[in-house]
Amino acid sequence: MITHYPNLSPLTAGLRCACPRCGRGKLFQGYLTVNERCAVCGLNLARQDSGDGPAVFLIFILGFLVVPVALWVSMSVDWPLWLHAIVWSIVVLGLALGMLRPAKAYVVALQYRHRRNELEDPEA
């Protein structure tokens, strides 16, 4: 039996942290643990492996966004160095933790889009 699934954008699936095939099932069972199978369409999610890609992408993105702002603030106000260290550590940590889950879901969705034949079960 062949079922038709919508052509889901990887960005949409990533932002919703949803199954990359059907867009309705939950991708994660914990904070970053990928479910074994989608509860809606049965896609074998255990084969999905994003590795360190999402963390590396976030390092570059956050560095590109936060460092110029931190330099601007440093030149605009006269904070002691310890305050800069605390403020920017909290900002980077908060942004990284907030963005890591959607980033991982996005990488999984991109892998599904570009390697679909390798990731789908022949019997499912």
PDB file of N, CA and C in Angstrom:
ATOM      1  N   MET A   1       0.833  -1.172   0.000  1.00  0.00           N
ATOM      2  CA  MET A   1       0.000   0.000   0.000  1.00  0.00           C
ATOM      3  C   MET A   1       0.884   1.245   0.000  1.00  0.00           C
ATOM      4  N   ILE A   2       0.708   2.094  -0.972  1.00  0.00           N
ATOM      5  CA  ILE A   2       1.488   3.328  -1.073  1.00  0.00           C
ATOM      6  C   ILE A   2       0.603   4.480  -0.610  1.00  0.00           C
ATOM      7  N   THR A   3       1.113   5.236   0.309  1.00  0.00           N
ATOM      8  CA  THR A   3       0.392   6.381   0.825  1.00  0.00           C
ATOM      9  C   THR A   3       1.069   7.643   0.343  1.00  0.00           C
ATOM     10  N   HIS A   4       0.267   8.622  -0.038  1.00  0.00           N
ATOM     11  CA  HIS A   4       0.813   9.902  -0.497  1.00  0.00           C
ATOM     12  C   HIS A   4       1.037  10.821   0.703  1.00  0.00           C
ATOM     13  N   TYR A   5       2.221  11.362   0.807  1.00  0.00           N
ATOM     14  CA  TYR A   5       2.555  12.308   1.871  1.00  0.00           C
ATOM     15  C   TYR A   5       2.788  13.670   1.248  1.00  0.00           C
ATOM     16  N   PRO A   6       2.482  14.736   1.975  1.00  0.00           N
ATOM     17  CA  PRO A   6       2.665  16.080   1.410  1.00  0.00           C
ATOM     18  C   PRO A   6       4.137  16.380   1.198  1.00  0.00           C
ATOM     19  N   ASN A   7       4.420  17.239   0.240  1.00  0.00           N
ATOM     20  CA  ASN A   7       5.782  17.684  -0.005  1.00  0.00           C
ATOM     21  C   ASN A   7       6.086  18.757   1.041  1.00  0.00           C
ATOM     22  N   LEU A   8       6.627  18.336   2.159  1.00  0.00           N
ATOM     23  CA  LEU A   8       6.837  19.201   3.311  1.00  0.00           C
ATOM     24  C   LEU A   8       8.194  19.879   3.222  1.00  0.00           C
ATOM     25  N   SER A   9       8.222  21.171   3.471  1.00  0.00           N
ATOM     26  CA  SER A   9       9.477  21.920   3.497  1.00  0.00           C
ATOM     27  C   SER A   9      10.309  21.487   4.705  1.00  0.00           C
ATOM     28  N   PRO A  10      11.614  21.258   4.532  1.00  0.00           N
ATOM     29  CA  PRO A  10      12.453  20.913   5.684  1.00  0.00           C
ATOM     30  C   PRO A  10      12.454  22.002   6.752  1.00  0.00           C
ATOM     31  N   LEU A  11      12.336  23.259   6.336  1.00  0.00           N
ATOM     32  CA  LEU A  11      12.303  24.354   7.301  1.00  0.00           C
ATOM     33  C   LEU A  11      11.034  24.292   8.142  1.00  0.00           C
ATOM     34  N   THR A  12       9.905  24.005   7.507  1.00  0.00           N
ATOM     35  CA  THR A  12       8.649  23.879   8.242  1.00  0.00           C
ATOM     36  C   THR A  12       8.711  22.717   9.223  1.00  0.00           C
ATOM     37  N   ALA A  13       9.183  21.575   8.761  1.00  0.00           N
ATOM     38  CA  ALA A  13       9.300  20.405   9.640  1.00  0.00           C
ATOM     39  C   ALA A  13      10.278  20.679  10.774  1.00  0.00           C
ATOM     40  N   GLY A  14      11.370  21.375  10.468  1.00  0.00           N
ATOM     41  CA  GLY A  14      12.364  21.683  11.495  1.00  0.00           C
ATOM     42  C   GLY A  14      11.839  22.630  12.556  1.00  0.00           C
ATOM     43  N   LEU A  15      11.168  23.680  12.141  1.00  0.00           N
ATOM     44  CA  LEU A  15      10.641  24.635  13.109  1.00  0.00           C
ATOM     45  C   LEU A  15       9.536  24.036  13.969  1.00  0.00           C
ATOM     46  N   ARG A  16       8.779  23.106  13.401  1.00  0.00           N
ATOM     47  CA  ARG A  16       7.709  22.454  14.154  1.00  0.00           C
ATOM     48  C   ARG A  16       8.206  21.237  14.918  1.00  0.00           C
ATOM     49  N   CYS A  17       9.466  20.830  14.702  1.00  0.00           N
ATOM     50  CA  CYS A  17      10.042  19.618  15.293  1.00  0.00           C
ATOM     51  C   CYS A  17       9.134  18.429  15.021  1.00  0.00           C
ATOM     52  N   ALA A  18       8.719  18.320  13.767  1.00  0.00           N
ATOM     53  CA  ALA A  18       7.780  17.284  13.350  1.00  0.00           C
ATOM     54  C   ALA A  18       8.465  16.284  12.433  1.00  0.00           C
ATOM     55  N   CYS A  19       7.775  15.180  12.198  1.00  0.00           N
ATOM     56  CA  CYS A  19       8.266  14.147  11.290  1.00  0.00           C
ATOM     57  C   CYS A  19       8.519  14.760   9.913  1.00  0.00           C
ATOM     58  N   PRO A  20       9.676  14.474   9.295  1.00  0.00           N
ATOM     59  CA  PRO A  20       9.969  15.072   7.994  1.00  0.00           C
ATOM     60  C   PRO A  20       9.136  14.491   6.846  1.00  0.00           C
ATOM     61  N   ARG A  21       8.497  13.337   7.054  1.00  0.00           N
ATOM     62  CA  ARG A  21       7.692  12.747   5.979  1.00  0.00           C
ATOM     63  C   ARG A  21       6.244  13.223   6.019  1.00  0.00           C
ATOM     64  N   CYS A  22       5.587  13.109   7.177  1.00  0.00           N
ATOM     65  CA  CYS A  22       4.162  13.463   7.239  1.00  0.00           C
ATOM     66  C   CYS A  22       3.912  14.842   7.827  1.00  0.00           C
ATOM     67  N   GLY A  23       4.838  15.354   8.640  1.00  0.00           N
ATOM     68  CA  GLY A  23       4.682  16.666   9.236  1.00  0.00           C
ATOM     69  C   GLY A  23       3.742  16.711  10.424  1.00  0.00           C
ATOM     70  N   ARG A  24       3.228  15.550  10.848  1.00  0.00           N
ATOM     71  CA  ARG A  24       2.264  15.540  11.950  1.00  0.00           C
ATOM     72  C   ARG A  24       2.793  14.858  13.206  1.00  0.00           C
ATOM     73  N   GLY A  25       3.656  13.870  13.049  1.00  0.00           N
ATOM     74  CA  GLY A  25       4.180  13.148  14.214  1.00  0.00           C
ATOM     75  C   GLY A  25       5.297  13.907  14.895  1.00  0.00           C
ATOM     76  N   LYS A  26       5.491  13.628  16.172  1.00  0.00           N
ATOM     77  CA  LYS A  26       6.566  14.266  16.931  1.00  0.00           C
ATOM     78  C   LYS A  26       7.903  13.646  16.552  1.00  0.00           C
ATOM     79  N   LEU A  27       8.906  14.492  16.366  1.00  0.00           N
ATOM     80  CA  LEU A  27      10.233  14.012  16.014  1.00  0.00           C
ATOM     81  C   LEU A  27      11.014  13.577  17.254  1.00  0.00           C
ATOM     82  N   PHE A  28      10.828  14.286  18.362  1.00  0.00           N
ATOM     83  CA  PHE A  28      11.611  14.031  19.566  1.00  0.00           C
ATOM     84  C   PHE A  28      10.767  13.393  20.656  1.00  0.00           C
ATOM     85  N   GLN A  29      11.410  12.517  21.431  1.00  0.00           N
ATOM     86  CA  GLN A  29      10.743  11.968  22.604  1.00  0.00           C
ATOM     87  C   GLN A  29      11.255  12.620  23.882  1.00  0.00           C
ATOM     88  N   GLY A  30      12.330  13.336  23.818  1.00  0.00           N
ATOM     89  CA  GLY A  30      12.873  14.098  24.934  1.00  0.00           C
ATOM     90  C   GLY A  30      13.308  15.445  24.396  1.00  0.00           C
ATOM     91  N   TYR A  31      14.350  16.005  24.994  1.00  0.00           N
ATOM     92  CA  TYR A  31      14.826  17.299  24.496  1.00  0.00           C
ATOM     93  C   TYR A  31      15.504  17.147  23.132  1.00  0.00           C
ATOM     94  N   LEU A  32      16.413  16.176  23.012  1.00  0.00           N
ATOM     95  CA  LEU A  32      17.107  15.970  21.733  1.00  0.00           C
ATOM     96  C   LEU A  32      17.103  14.518  21.271  1.00  0.00           C
ATOM     97  N   THR A  33      16.387  13.646  21.948  1.00  0.00           N
ATOM     98  CA  THR A  33      16.348  12.231  21.578  1.00  0.00           C
ATOM     99  C   THR A  33      15.288  12.021  20.500  1.00  0.00           C
ATOM    100  N   VAL A  34      15.728  11.520  19.348  1.00  0.00           N
ATOM    101  CA  VAL A  34      14.819  11.301  18.224  1.00  0.00           C
ATOM    102  C   VAL A  34      14.020  10.017  18.479  1.00  0.00           C
ATOM    103  N   ASN A  35      12.718  10.075  18.214  1.00  0.00           N
ATOM    104  CA  ASN A  35      11.856   8.898  18.350  1.00  0.00           C
ATOM    105  C   ASN A  35      12.343   7.776  17.436  1.00  0.00           C
ATOM    106  N   GLU A  36      12.044   6.541  17.820  1.00  0.00           N
ATOM    107  CA  GLU A  36      12.387   5.391  16.975  1.00  0.00           C
ATOM    108  C   GLU A  36      11.572   5.403  15.683  1.00  0.00           C
ATOM    109  N   ARG A  37      10.284   5.661  15.791  1.00  0.00           N
ATOM    110  CA  ARG A  37       9.367   5.695  14.647  1.00  0.00           C
ATOM    111  C   ARG A  37       8.382   6.835  14.827  1.00  0.00           C
ATOM    112  N   CYS A  38       7.914   7.355  13.710  1.00  0.00           N
ATOM    113  CA  CYS A  38       6.853   8.359  13.751  1.00  0.00           C
ATOM    114  C   CYS A  38       5.554   7.664  14.142  1.00  0.00           C
ATOM    115  N   ALA A  39       4.838   8.212  15.108  1.00  0.00           N
ATOM    116  CA  ALA A  39       3.583   7.614  15.573  1.00  0.00           C
ATOM    117  C   ALA A  39       2.474   7.748  14.541  1.00  0.00           C
ATOM    118  N   VAL A  40       2.602   8.670  13.596  1.00  0.00           N
ATOM    119  CA  VAL A  40       1.551   8.900  12.608  1.00  0.00           C
ATOM    120  C   VAL A  40       1.775   8.087  11.334  1.00  0.00           C
ATOM    121  N   CYS A  41       2.966   8.216  10.731  1.00  0.00           N
ATOM    122  CA  CYS A  41       3.201   7.558   9.434  1.00  0.00           C
ATOM    123  C   CYS A  41       4.093   6.328   9.519  1.00  0.00           C
ATOM    124  N   GLY A  42       4.746   6.099  10.661  1.00  0.00           N
ATOM    125  CA  GLY A  42       5.576   4.916  10.826  1.00  0.00           C
ATOM    126  C   GLY A  42       6.979   5.021  10.255  1.00  0.00           C
ATOM    127  N   LEU A  43       7.422   6.224   9.873  1.00  0.00           N
ATOM    128  CA  LEU A  43       8.775   6.392   9.336  1.00  0.00           C
ATOM    129  C   LEU A  43       9.797   5.979  10.387  1.00  0.00           C
ATOM    130  N   ASN A  44      10.772   5.177   9.965  1.00  0.00           N
ATOM    131  CA  ASN A  44      11.830   4.737  10.868  1.00  0.00           C
ATOM    132  C   ASN A  44      12.795   5.895  11.091  1.00  0.00           C
ATOM    133  N   LEU A  45      12.658   6.561  12.213  1.00  0.00           N
ATOM    134  CA  LEU A  45      13.495   7.717  12.530  1.00  0.00           C
ATOM    135  C   LEU A  45      14.806   7.318  13.185  1.00  0.00           C
ATOM    136  N   ALA A  46      14.941   6.047  13.560  1.00  0.00           N
ATOM    137  CA  ALA A  46      16.169   5.588  14.207  1.00  0.00           C
ATOM    138  C   ALA A  46      17.365   5.681  13.263  1.00  0.00           C
ATOM    139  N   ARG A  47      17.132   5.657  11.978  1.00  0.00           N
ATOM    140  CA  ARG A  47      18.225   5.753  10.998  1.00  0.00           C
ATOM    141  C   ARG A  47      18.724   7.183  10.818  1.00  0.00           C
ATOM    142  N   GLN A  48      17.997   8.148  11.304  1.00  0.00           N
ATOM    143  CA  GLN A  48      18.382   9.551  11.155  1.00  0.00           C
ATOM    144  C   GLN A  48      19.541   9.849  12.091  1.00  0.00           C
ATOM    145  N   ASP A  49      20.591  10.439  11.566  1.00  0.00           N
ATOM    146  CA  ASP A  49      21.738  10.793  12.397  1.00  0.00           C
ATOM    147  C   ASP A  49      22.232  12.171  11.983  1.00  0.00           C
ATOM    148  N   SER A  50      22.004  13.149  12.848  1.00  0.00           N
ATOM    149  CA  SER A  50      22.436  14.508  12.522  1.00  0.00           C
ATOM    150  C   SER A  50      23.857  14.777  12.995  1.00  0.00           C
ATOM    151  N   GLY A  51      24.372  13.929  13.869  1.00  0.00           N
ATOM    152  CA  GLY A  51      25.739  14.099  14.356  1.00  0.00           C
ATOM    153  C   GLY A  51      25.919  15.431  15.069  1.00  0.00           C
ATOM    154  N   ASP A  52      27.056  16.073  14.835  1.00  0.00           N
ATOM    155  CA  ASP A  52      27.360  17.354  15.466  1.00  0.00           C
ATOM    156  C   ASP A  52      26.993  18.534  14.578  1.00  0.00           C
ATOM    157  N   GLY A  53      26.382  18.270  13.436  1.00  0.00           N
ATOM    158  CA  GLY A  53      26.054  19.336  12.490  1.00  0.00           C
ATOM    159  C   GLY A  53      25.261  20.489  13.077  1.00  0.00           C
ATOM    160  N   PRO A  54      24.145  20.222  13.765  1.00  0.00           N
ATOM    161  CA  PRO A  54      23.365  21.338  14.309  1.00  0.00           C
ATOM    162  C   PRO A  54      24.154  22.202  15.291  1.00  0.00           C
ATOM    163  N   ALA A  55      24.964  21.583  16.136  1.00  0.00           N
ATOM    164  CA  ALA A  55      25.754  22.356  17.102  1.00  0.00           C
ATOM    165  C   ALA A  55      26.792  23.219  16.391  1.00  0.00           C
ATOM    166  N   VAL A  56      27.430  22.675  15.368  1.00  0.00           N
ATOM    167  CA  VAL A  56      28.433  23.438  14.616  1.00  0.00           C
ATOM    168  C   VAL A  56      27.774  24.609  13.893  1.00  0.00           C
ATOM    169  N   PHE A  57      26.617  24.361  13.269  1.00  0.00           N
ATOM    170  CA  PHE A  57      25.904  25.457  12.592  1.00  0.00           C
ATOM    171  C   PHE A  57      25.548  26.553  13.584  1.00  0.00           C
ATOM    172  N   LEU A  58      25.091  26.168  14.769  1.00  0.00           N
ATOM    173  CA  LEU A  58      24.716  27.173  15.769  1.00  0.00           C
ATOM    174  C   LEU A  58      25.922  27.957  16.276  1.00  0.00           C
ATOM    175  N   ILE A  59      27.061  27.305  16.394  1.00  0.00           N
ATOM    176  CA  ILE A  59      28.267  28.024  16.811  1.00  0.00           C
ATOM    177  C   ILE A  59      28.564  29.147  15.825  1.00  0.00           C
ATOM    178  N   PHE A  60      28.511  28.836  14.541  1.00  0.00           N
ATOM    179  CA  PHE A  60      28.781  29.855  13.526  1.00  0.00           C
ATOM    180  C   PHE A  60      27.709  30.929  13.493  1.00  0.00           C
ATOM    181  N   ILE A  61      26.451  30.524  13.539  1.00  0.00           N
ATOM    182  CA  ILE A  61      25.356  31.489  13.475  1.00  0.00           C
ATOM    183  C   ILE A  61      25.366  32.412  14.687  1.00  0.00           C
ATOM    184  N   LEU A  62      25.479  31.837  15.878  1.00  0.00           N
ATOM    185  CA  LEU A  62      25.479  32.666  17.080  1.00  0.00           C
ATOM    186  C   LEU A  62      26.724  33.542  17.165  1.00  0.00           C
ATOM    187  N   GLY A  63      27.851  33.027  16.734  1.00  0.00           N
ATOM    188  CA  GLY A  63      29.059  33.856  16.697  1.00  0.00           C
ATOM    189  C   GLY A  63      28.880  35.043  15.764  1.00  0.00           C
ATOM    190  N   PHE A  64      28.270  34.795  14.626  1.00  0.00           N
ATOM    191  CA  PHE A  64      28.031  35.865  13.643  1.00  0.00           C
ATOM    192  C   PHE A  64      27.047  36.901  14.174  1.00  0.00           C
ATOM    193  N   LEU A  65      26.049  36.468  14.952  1.00  0.00           N
ATOM    194  CA  LEU A  65      25.028  37.380  15.452  1.00  0.00           C
ATOM    195  C   LEU A  65      25.406  38.052  16.769  1.00  0.00           C
ATOM    196  N   VAL A  66      25.998  37.318  17.695  1.00  0.00           N
ATOM    197  CA  VAL A  66      26.213  37.834  19.048  1.00  0.00           C
ATOM    198  C   VAL A  66      27.497  38.652  19.164  1.00  0.00           C
ATOM    199  N   VAL A  67      28.568  38.262  18.510  1.00  0.00           N
ATOM    200  CA  VAL A  67      29.845  38.964  18.669  1.00  0.00           C
ATOM    201  C   VAL A  67      29.743  40.435  18.256  1.00  0.00           C
ATOM    202  N   PRO A  68      29.156  40.795  17.112  1.00  0.00           N
ATOM    203  CA  PRO A  68      29.041  42.224  16.792  1.00  0.00           C
ATOM    204  C   PRO A  68      28.201  43.002  17.809  1.00  0.00           C
ATOM    205  N   VAL A  69      27.139  42.381  18.300  1.00  0.00           N
ATOM    206  CA  VAL A  69      26.313  43.054  19.311  1.00  0.00           C
ATOM    207  C   VAL A  69      27.112  43.232  20.598  1.00  0.00           C
ATOM    208  N   ALA A  70      27.853  42.209  20.999  1.00  0.00           N
ATOM    209  CA  ALA A  70      28.669  42.309  22.212  1.00  0.00           C
ATOM    210  C   ALA A  70      29.743  43.382  22.063  1.00  0.00           C
ATOM    211  N   LEU A  71      30.361  43.481  20.898  1.00  0.00           N
ATOM    212  CA  LEU A  71      31.360  44.526  20.676  1.00  0.00           C
ATOM    213  C   LEU A  71      30.728  45.913  20.704  1.00  0.00           C
ATOM    214  N   TRP A  72      29.560  46.044  20.110  1.00  0.00           N
ATOM    215  CA  TRP A  72      28.868  47.334  20.111  1.00  0.00           C
ATOM    216  C   TRP A  72      28.508  47.746  21.539  1.00  0.00           C
ATOM    217  N   VAL A  73      27.968  46.815  22.321  1.00  0.00           N
ATOM    218  CA  VAL A  73      27.625  47.106  23.713  1.00  0.00           C
ATOM    219  C   VAL A  73      28.888  47.450  24.497  1.00  0.00           C
ATOM    220  N   SER A  74      29.960  46.738  24.251  1.00  0.00           N
ATOM    221  CA  SER A  74      31.215  46.982  24.948  1.00  0.00           C
ATOM    222  C   SER A  74      31.736  48.388  24.686  1.00  0.00           C
ATOM    223  N   MET A  75      31.530  48.887  23.485  1.00  0.00           N
ATOM    224  CA  MET A  75      32.006  50.225  23.152  1.00  0.00           C
ATOM    225  C   MET A  75      31.014  51.320  23.554  1.00  0.00           C
ATOM    226  N   SER A  76      29.775  50.938  23.795  1.00  0.00           N
ATOM    227  CA  SER A  76      28.748  51.921  24.136  1.00  0.00           C
ATOM    228  C   SER A  76      28.604  52.152  25.635  1.00  0.00           C
ATOM    229  N   VAL A  77      28.779  51.117  26.410  1.00  0.00           N
ATOM    230  CA  VAL A  77      28.622  51.233  27.866  1.00  0.00           C
ATOM    231  C   VAL A  77      29.910  50.811  28.552  1.00  0.00           C
ATOM    232  N   ASP A  78      30.075  51.237  29.758  1.00  0.00           N
ATOM    233  CA  ASP A  78      31.308  50.945  30.490  1.00  0.00           C
ATOM    234  C   ASP A  78      31.041  49.907  31.571  1.00  0.00           C
ATOM    235  N   TRP A  79      30.828  48.675  31.143  1.00  0.00           N
ATOM    236  CA  TRP A  79      30.617  47.578  32.081  1.00  0.00           C
ATOM    237  C   TRP A  79      31.967  46.978  32.455  1.00  0.00           C
ATOM    238  N   PRO A  80      32.063  46.444  33.654  1.00  0.00           N
ATOM    239  CA  PRO A  80      33.281  45.681  33.988  1.00  0.00           C
ATOM    240  C   PRO A  80      33.311  44.366  33.189  1.00  0.00           C
ATOM    241  N   LEU A  81      34.497  43.825  33.023  1.00  0.00           N
ATOM    242  CA  LEU A  81      34.643  42.611  32.209  1.00  0.00           C
ATOM    243  C   LEU A  81      33.843  41.432  32.755  1.00  0.00           C
ATOM    244  N   TRP A  82      33.762  41.297  34.084  1.00  0.00           N
ATOM    245  CA  TRP A  82      33.025  40.183  34.665  1.00  0.00           C
ATOM    246  C   TRP A  82      31.548  40.258  34.299  1.00  0.00           C
ATOM    247  N   LEU A  83      30.996  41.467  34.182  1.00  0.00           N
ATOM    248  CA  LEU A  83      29.596  41.607  33.811  1.00  0.00           C
ATOM    249  C   LEU A  83      29.382  41.218  32.346  1.00  0.00           C
ATOM    250  N   HIS A  84      30.319  41.618  31.479  1.00  0.00           N
ATOM    251  CA  HIS A  84      30.248  41.183  30.072  1.00  0.00           C
ATOM    252  C   HIS A  84      30.269  39.658  29.992  1.00  0.00           C
ATOM    253  N   ALA A  85      31.171  39.048  30.747  1.00  0.00           N
ATOM    254  CA  ALA A  85      31.287  37.581  30.714  1.00  0.00           C
ATOM    255  C   ALA A  85      29.983  36.914  31.136  1.00  0.00           C
ATOM    256  N   ILE A  86      29.362  37.417  32.184  1.00  0.00           N
ATOM    257  CA  ILE A  86      28.103  36.827  32.660  1.00  0.00           C
ATOM    258  C   ILE A  86      26.977  37.055  31.660  1.00  0.00           C
ATOM    259  N   VAL A  87      26.814  38.301  31.218  1.00  0.00           N
ATOM    260  CA  VAL A  87      25.699  38.633  30.315  1.00  0.00           C
ATOM    261  C   VAL A  87      25.799  37.865  29.013  1.00  0.00           C
ATOM    262  N   TRP A  88      26.957  37.875  28.366  1.00  0.00           N
ATOM    263  CA  TRP A  88      27.073  37.243  27.052  1.00  0.00           C
ATOM    264  C   TRP A  88      27.087  35.727  27.149  1.00  0.00           C
ATOM    265  N   SER A  89      27.550  35.188  28.268  1.00  0.00           N
ATOM    266  CA  SER A  89      27.455  33.732  28.459  1.00  0.00           C
ATOM    267  C   SER A  89      26.002  33.303  28.565  1.00  0.00           C
ATOM    268  N   ILE A  90      25.213  34.060  29.313  1.00  0.00           N
ATOM    269  CA  ILE A  90      23.789  33.739  29.452  1.00  0.00           C
ATOM    270  C   ILE A  90      23.064  33.898  28.118  1.00  0.00           C
ATOM    271  N   VAL A  91      23.374  34.964  27.385  1.00  0.00           N
ATOM    272  CA  VAL A  91      22.725  35.194  26.084  1.00  0.00           C
ATOM    273  C   VAL A  91      23.045  34.055  25.123  1.00  0.00           C
ATOM    274  N   VAL A  92      24.314  33.692  24.995  1.00  0.00           N
ATOM    275  CA  VAL A  92      24.715  32.633  24.064  1.00  0.00           C
ATOM    276  C   VAL A  92      24.145  31.284  24.499  1.00  0.00           C
ATOM    277  N   LEU A  93      24.210  30.981  25.784  1.00  0.00           N
ATOM    278  CA  LEU A  93      23.683  29.712  26.269  1.00  0.00           C
ATOM    279  C   LEU A  93      22.174  29.619  26.047  1.00  0.00           C
ATOM    280  N   GLY A  94      21.458  30.688  26.347  1.00  0.00           N
ATOM    281  CA  GLY A  94      20.007  30.698  26.137  1.00  0.00           C
ATOM    282  C   GLY A  94      19.635  30.538  24.670  1.00  0.00           C
ATOM    283  N   LEU A  95      20.318  31.278  23.792  1.00  0.00           N
ATOM    284  CA  LEU A  95      20.031  31.158  22.361  1.00  0.00           C
ATOM    285  C   LEU A  95      20.392  29.774  21.836  1.00  0.00           C
ATOM    286  N   ALA A  96      21.518  29.239  22.285  1.00  0.00           N
ATOM    287  CA  ALA A  96      21.938  27.911  21.811  1.00  0.00           C
ATOM    288  C   ALA A  96      20.947  26.838  22.248  1.00  0.00           C
ATOM    289  N   LEU A  97      20.546  26.865  23.511  1.00  0.00           N
ATOM    290  CA  LEU A  97      19.593  25.862  23.982  1.00  0.00           C
ATOM    291  C   LEU A  97      18.229  26.033  23.327  1.00  0.00           C
ATOM    292  N   GLY A  98      17.843  27.256  23.062  1.00  0.00           N
ATOM    293  CA  GLY A  98      16.560  27.491  22.415  1.00  0.00           C
ATOM    294  C   GLY A  98      16.547  27.106  20.943  1.00  0.00           C
ATOM    295  N   MET A  99      17.690  27.208  20.283  1.00  0.00           N
ATOM    296  CA  MET A  99      17.753  26.951  18.848  1.00  0.00           C
ATOM    297  C   MET A  99      18.240  25.552  18.500  1.00  0.00           C
ATOM    298  N   LEU A 100      18.783  24.814  19.463  1.00  0.00           N
ATOM    299  CA  LEU A 100      19.385  23.515  19.156  1.00  0.00           C
ATOM    300  C   LEU A 100      18.362  22.485  18.702  1.00  0.00           C
ATOM    301  N   ARG A 101      17.226  22.443  19.341  1.00  0.00           N
ATOM    302  CA  ARG A 101      16.194  21.464  18.979  1.00  0.00           C
ATOM    303  C   ARG A 101      15.654  21.706  17.560  1.00  0.00           C
ATOM    304  N   PRO A 102      15.237  22.932  17.206  1.00  0.00           N
ATOM    305  CA  PRO A 102      14.813  23.153  15.817  1.00  0.00           C
ATOM    306  C   PRO A 102      15.938  22.952  14.795  1.00  0.00           C
ATOM    307  N   ALA A 103      17.176  23.272  15.186  1.00  0.00           N
ATOM    308  CA  ALA A 103      18.298  23.071  14.262  1.00  0.00           C
ATOM    309  C   ALA A 103      18.506  21.588  13.987  1.00  0.00           C
ATOM    310  N   LYS A 104      18.411  20.761  15.024  1.00  0.00           N
ATOM    311  CA  LYS A 104      18.560  19.319  14.830  1.00  0.00           C
ATOM    312  C   LYS A 104      17.408  18.777  13.988  1.00  0.00           C
ATOM    313  N   ALA A 105      16.194  19.247  14.249  1.00  0.00           N
ATOM    314  CA  ALA A 105      15.041  18.811  13.457  1.00  0.00           C
ATOM    315  C   ALA A 105      15.198  19.227  11.996  1.00  0.00           C
ATOM    316  N   TYR A 106      15.749  20.399  11.749  1.00  0.00           N
ATOM    317  CA  TYR A 106      15.975  20.873  10.389  1.00  0.00           C
ATOM    318  C   TYR A 106      16.997  20.002   9.659  1.00  0.00           C
ATOM    319  N   VAL A 107      18.078  19.635  10.344  1.00  0.00           N
ATOM    320  CA  VAL A 107      19.092  18.775   9.722  1.00  0.00           C
ATOM    321  C   VAL A 107      18.514  17.396   9.414  1.00  0.00           C
ATOM    322  N   VAL A 108      17.711  16.850  10.327  1.00  0.00           N
ATOM    323  CA  VAL A 108      17.064  15.559  10.086  1.00  0.00           C
ATOM    324  C   VAL A 108      16.126  15.664   8.886  1.00  0.00           C
ATOM    325  N   ALA A 109      15.374  16.757   8.789  1.00  0.00           N
ATOM    326  CA  ALA A 109      14.461  16.949   7.659  1.00  0.00           C
ATOM    327  C   ALA A 109      15.226  17.103   6.343  1.00  0.00           C
ATOM    328  N   LEU A 110      16.363  17.783   6.379  1.00  0.00           N
ATOM    329  CA  LEU A 110      17.192  17.900   5.162  1.00  0.00           C
ATOM    330  C   LEU A 110      17.749  16.545   4.750  1.00  0.00           C
ATOM    331  N   GLN A 111      18.172  15.752   5.725  1.00  0.00           N
ATOM    332  CA  GLN A 111      18.666  14.413   5.402  1.00  0.00           C
ATOM    333  C   GLN A 111      17.554  13.581   4.770  1.00  0.00           C
ATOM    334  N   TYR A 112      16.363  13.682   5.316  1.00  0.00           N
ATOM    335  CA  TYR A 112      15.248  12.920   4.748  1.00  0.00           C
ATOM    336  C   TYR A 112      14.946  13.396   3.325  1.00  0.00           C
ATOM    337  N   ARG A 113      14.967  14.673   3.098  1.00  0.00           N
ATOM    338  CA  ARG A 113      14.658  15.204   1.766  1.00  0.00           C
ATOM    339  C   ARG A 113      15.663  14.739   0.725  1.00  0.00           C
ATOM    340  N   HIS A 114      16.944  14.737   1.086  1.00  0.00           N
ATOM    341  CA  HIS A 114      17.988  14.448   0.098  1.00  0.00           C
ATOM    342  C   HIS A 114      18.456  12.994   0.085  1.00  0.00           C
ATOM    343  N   ARG A 115      18.078  12.204   1.092  1.00  0.00           N
ATOM    344  CA  ARG A 115      18.466  10.787   1.124  1.00  0.00           C
ATOM    345  C   ARG A 115      17.264   9.916   1.439  1.00  0.00           C
ATOM    346  N   ARG A 116      16.143  10.266   0.925  1.00  0.00           N
ATOM    347  CA  ARG A 116      14.880   9.585   1.227  1.00  0.00           C
ATOM    348  C   ARG A 116      14.946   8.087   0.964  1.00  0.00           C
ATOM    349  N   ASN A 117      15.500   7.675  -0.151  1.00  0.00           N
ATOM    350  CA  ASN A 117      15.530   6.245  -0.503  1.00  0.00           C
ATOM    351  C   ASN A 117      16.347   5.430   0.494  1.00  0.00           C
ATOM    352  N   GLU A 118      17.383   6.017   1.069  1.00  0.00           N
ATOM    353  CA  GLU A 118      18.202   5.297   2.041  1.00  0.00           C
ATOM    354  C   GLU A 118      17.530   5.218   3.408  1.00  0.00           C
ATOM    355  N   LEU A 119      16.676   6.173   3.718  1.00  0.00           N
ATOM    356  CA  LEU A 119      16.133   6.282   5.065  1.00  0.00           C
ATOM    357  C   LEU A 119      14.766   5.643   5.253  1.00  0.00           C
ATOM    358  N   GLU A 120      14.042   5.389   4.181  1.00  0.00           N
ATOM    359  CA  GLU A 120      12.729   4.775   4.322  1.00  0.00           C
ATOM    360  C   GLU A 120      12.825   3.251   4.334  1.00  0.00           C
ATOM    361  N   ASP A 121      11.971   2.629   5.116  1.00  0.00           N
ATOM    362  CA  ASP A 121      11.908   1.162   5.166  1.00  0.00           C
ATOM    363  C   ASP A 121      11.295   0.640   3.880  1.00  0.00           C
ATOM    364  N   PRO A 122      11.823  -0.427   3.325  1.00  0.00           N
ATOM    365  CA  PRO A 122      11.190  -0.994   2.139  1.00  0.00           C
ATOM    366  C   PRO A 122       9.814  -1.601   2.443  1.00  0.00           C
ATOM    367  N   GLU A 123       9.614  -2.089   3.669  1.00  0.00           N
ATOM    368  CA  GLU A 123       8.332  -2.708   3.998  1.00  0.00           C
ATOM    369  C   GLU A 123       7.324  -1.703   4.551  1.00  0.00           C
ATOM    370  N   ALA A 124       7.751  -0.496   4.928  1.00  0.00           N
ATOM    371  CA  ALA A 124       6.819   0.478   5.521  1.00  0.00           C
ATOM    372  C   ALA A 124       6.097   1.281   4.473  1.00  0.00           C
TER     373      ALA A 124
END
